[in-house]
Amino acid sequence: MPHGALMQARQATALARYLPRWQQNLLAAGLLAAGVVLIVLGDLVGIAPLAFVAIFLITRIRERAAGGIG
Protein backbone atom coordinates (compact mmCIF):
# COMPACT_ATOMS: atom_id res chain seq x y z
CA MET A 1 0.00 0.00 0.00
CA PRO A 2 1.53 3.34 -1.02
CA HIS A 3 2.17 5.97 1.59
CA GLY A 4 3.83 9.35 2.01
CA ALA A 5 5.36 10.92 -1.07
CA LEU A 6 4.45 7.95 -3.26
CA MET A 7 0.76 8.44 -2.50
CA GLN A 8 0.99 12.16 -3.31
CA ALA A 9 2.76 11.35 -6.57
CA ARG A 10 -0.01 8.95 -7.58
CA GLN A 11 -2.66 11.56 -6.77
CA ALA A 12 -0.85 14.26 -8.75
CA THR A 13 -0.52 11.92 -11.72
CA ALA A 14 -4.20 11.02 -11.55
CA LEU A 15 -5.26 14.67 -11.37
CA ALA A 16 -3.04 15.62 -14.32
CA ARG A 17 -5.14 13.36 -16.53
CA TYR A 18 -8.03 15.86 -16.27
CA LEU A 19 -5.96 18.78 -17.57
CA PRO A 20 -6.60 20.01 -21.12
CA ARG A 21 -4.53 18.18 -23.73
CA TRP A 22 -2.16 21.13 -24.36
CA GLN A 23 -1.39 21.41 -20.65
CA GLN A 24 -0.68 17.69 -20.47
CA ASN A 25 1.73 18.04 -23.39
CA LEU A 26 3.42 21.05 -21.78
CA LEU A 27 3.75 19.24 -18.45
CA ALA A 28 5.16 16.14 -20.14
CA ALA A 29 7.68 18.22 -22.10
CA GLY A 30 8.82 19.99 -18.94
CA LEU A 31 9.16 16.73 -17.04
CA LEU A 32 11.09 15.18 -19.92
CA ALA A 33 13.50 18.12 -20.04
CA ALA A 34 13.97 18.10 -16.26
CA GLY A 35 14.59 14.35 -16.21
CA VAL A 36 17.13 14.48 -19.02
CA VAL A 37 18.98 17.42 -17.44
CA LEU A 38 19.15 15.67 -14.06
CA ILE A 39 20.43 12.45 -15.59
CA VAL A 40 23.03 14.30 -17.68
CA LEU A 41 24.20 16.06 -14.51
CA GLY A 42 24.64 12.64 -12.91
CA ASP A 43 21.66 12.66 -10.56
CA LEU A 44 19.66 9.44 -10.69
CA VAL A 45 16.58 11.19 -9.29
CA GLY A 46 16.03 12.25 -12.93
CA ILE A 47 14.41 8.87 -13.44
CA ALA A 48 11.34 10.04 -11.51
CA PRO A 49 10.26 12.76 -13.98
CA LEU A 50 10.90 10.35 -16.83
CA ALA A 51 8.62 7.84 -15.12
CA PHE A 52 5.84 10.44 -15.06
CA VAL A 53 6.36 11.07 -18.78
CA ALA A 54 6.04 7.33 -19.34
CA ILE A 55 2.76 7.34 -17.41
CA PHE A 56 1.45 10.13 -19.68
CA LEU A 57 2.52 8.19 -22.77
CA ILE A 58 0.93 4.96 -21.57
CA THR A 59 -2.34 6.77 -20.90
CA ARG A 60 -2.24 8.40 -24.35
CA ILE A 61 -1.51 5.08 -26.06
CA ARG A 62 -4.36 3.36 -24.21
CA GLU A 63 -6.80 6.11 -25.21
CA ARG A 64 -5.86 5.79 -28.87
CA ALA A 65 -6.03 1.98 -28.79
CA ALA A 66 -9.48 2.16 -27.23
CA GLY A 67 -10.64 4.64 -29.85
CA GLY A 68 -10.85 7.59 -27.46
CA ILE A 69 -10.69 11.24 -28.34
CA GLY A 70 -7.25 12.52 -29.11
C-alpha atoms as a PDB file:
ATOM      1  CA  MET A   1       0.000   0.000   0.000  1.00  0.00           C
ATOM      2  CA  PRO A   2       1.526   3.335  -1.017  1.00  0.00           C
ATOM      3  CA  HIS A   3       2.171   5.968   1.589  1.00  0.00           C
ATOM      4  CA  GLY A   4       3.825   9.350   2.011  1.00  0.00           C
ATOM      5  CA  ALA A   5       5.361  10.921  -1.066  1.00  0.00           C
ATOM      6  CA  LEU A   6       4.446   7.953  -3.256  1.00  0.00           C
ATOM      7  CA  MET A   7       0.755   8.438  -2.497  1.00  0.00           C
ATOM      8  CA  GLN A   8       0.990  12.156  -3.308  1.00  0.00           C
ATOM      9  CA  ALA A   9       2.759  11.353  -6.570  1.00  0.00           C
ATOM     10  CA  ARG A  10      -0.010   8.946  -7.575  1.00  0.00           C
ATOM     11  CA  GLN A  11      -2.665  11.559  -6.772  1.00  0.00           C
ATOM     12  CA  ALA A  12      -0.848  14.255  -8.751  1.00  0.00           C
ATOM     13  CA  THR A  13      -0.519  11.923 -11.718  1.00  0.00           C
ATOM     14  CA  ALA A  14      -4.203  11.018 -11.551  1.00  0.00           C
ATOM     15  CA  LEU A  15      -5.263  14.669 -11.375  1.00  0.00           C
ATOM     16  CA  ALA A  16      -3.044  15.621 -14.321  1.00  0.00           C
ATOM     17  CA  ARG A  17      -5.136  13.364 -16.532  1.00  0.00           C
ATOM     18  CA  TYR A  18      -8.031  15.861 -16.268  1.00  0.00           C
ATOM     19  CA  LEU A  19      -5.962  18.777 -17.572  1.00  0.00           C
ATOM     20  CA  PRO A  20      -6.603  20.010 -21.116  1.00  0.00           C
ATOM     21  CA  ARG A  21      -4.528  18.184 -23.734  1.00  0.00           C
ATOM     22  CA  TRP A  22      -2.157  21.128 -24.360  1.00  0.00           C
ATOM     23  CA  GLN A  23      -1.390  21.414 -20.651  1.00  0.00           C
ATOM     24  CA  GLN A  24      -0.680  17.691 -20.472  1.00  0.00           C
ATOM     25  CA  ASN A  25       1.734  18.041 -23.386  1.00  0.00           C
ATOM     26  CA  LEU A  26       3.425  21.051 -21.780  1.00  0.00           C
ATOM     27  CA  LEU A  27       3.746  19.239 -18.449  1.00  0.00           C
ATOM     28  CA  ALA A  28       5.159  16.136 -20.139  1.00  0.00           C
ATOM     29  CA  ALA A  29       7.685  18.221 -22.103  1.00  0.00           C
ATOM     30  CA  GLY A  30       8.820  19.990 -18.938  1.00  0.00           C
ATOM     31  CA  LEU A  31       9.161  16.730 -17.037  1.00  0.00           C
ATOM     32  CA  LEU A  32      11.085  15.181 -19.920  1.00  0.00           C
ATOM     33  CA  ALA A  33      13.497  18.120 -20.045  1.00  0.00           C
ATOM     34  CA  ALA A  34      13.965  18.099 -16.259  1.00  0.00           C
ATOM     35  CA  GLY A  35      14.588  14.355 -16.212  1.00  0.00           C
ATOM     36  CA  VAL A  36      17.128  14.479 -19.018  1.00  0.00           C
ATOM     37  CA  VAL A  37      18.982  17.418 -17.438  1.00  0.00           C
ATOM     38  CA  LEU A  38      19.147  15.670 -14.062  1.00  0.00           C
ATOM     39  CA  ILE A  39      20.430  12.446 -15.587  1.00  0.00           C
ATOM     40  CA  VAL A  40      23.026  14.302 -17.677  1.00  0.00           C
ATOM     41  CA  LEU A  41      24.199  16.061 -14.508  1.00  0.00           C
ATOM     42  CA  GLY A  42      24.635  12.642 -12.911  1.00  0.00           C
ATOM     43  CA  ASP A  43      21.664  12.664 -10.563  1.00  0.00           C
ATOM     44  CA  LEU A  44      19.664   9.444 -10.694  1.00  0.00           C
ATOM     45  CA  VAL A  45      16.580  11.185  -9.294  1.00  0.00           C
ATOM     46  CA  GLY A  46      16.025  12.251 -12.932  1.00  0.00           C
ATOM     47  CA  ILE A  47      14.414   8.873 -13.445  1.00  0.00           C
ATOM     48  CA  ALA A  48      11.336  10.042 -11.505  1.00  0.00           C
ATOM     49  CA  PRO A  49      10.264  12.765 -13.981  1.00  0.00           C
ATOM     50  CA  LEU A  50      10.901  10.351 -16.832  1.00  0.00           C
ATOM     51  CA  ALA A  51       8.618   7.836 -15.118  1.00  0.00           C
ATOM     52  CA  PHE A  52       5.843  10.443 -15.056  1.00  0.00           C
ATOM     53  CA  VAL A  53       6.365  11.071 -18.777  1.00  0.00           C
ATOM     54  CA  ALA A  54       6.041   7.328 -19.337  1.00  0.00           C
ATOM     55  CA  ILE A  55       2.756   7.340 -17.414  1.00  0.00           C
ATOM     56  CA  PHE A  56       1.446  10.125 -19.682  1.00  0.00           C
ATOM     57  CA  LEU A  57       2.518   8.187 -22.773  1.00  0.00           C
ATOM     58  CA  ILE A  58       0.935   4.958 -21.569  1.00  0.00           C
ATOM     59  CA  THR A  59      -2.338   6.775 -20.903  1.00  0.00           C
ATOM     60  CA  ARG A  60      -2.238   8.397 -24.352  1.00  0.00           C
ATOM     61  CA  ILE A  61      -1.509   5.075 -26.061  1.00  0.00           C
ATOM     62  CA  ARG A  62      -4.362   3.359 -24.214  1.00  0.00           C
ATOM     63  CA  GLU A  63      -6.795   6.109 -25.205  1.00  0.00           C
ATOM     64  CA  ARG A  64      -5.860   5.793 -28.874  1.00  0.00           C
ATOM     65  CA  ALA A  65      -6.027   1.985 -28.790  1.00  0.00           C
ATOM     66  CA  ALA A  66      -9.483   2.160 -27.229  1.00  0.00           C
ATOM     67  CA  GLY A  67     -10.641   4.644 -29.849  1.00  0.00           C
ATOM     68  CA  GLY A  68     -10.847   7.586 -27.462  1.00  0.00           C
ATOM     69  CA  ILE A  69     -10.688  11.243 -28.342  1.00  0.00           C
ATOM     70  CA  GLY A  70      -7.254  12.517 -29.114  1.00  0.00           C
END
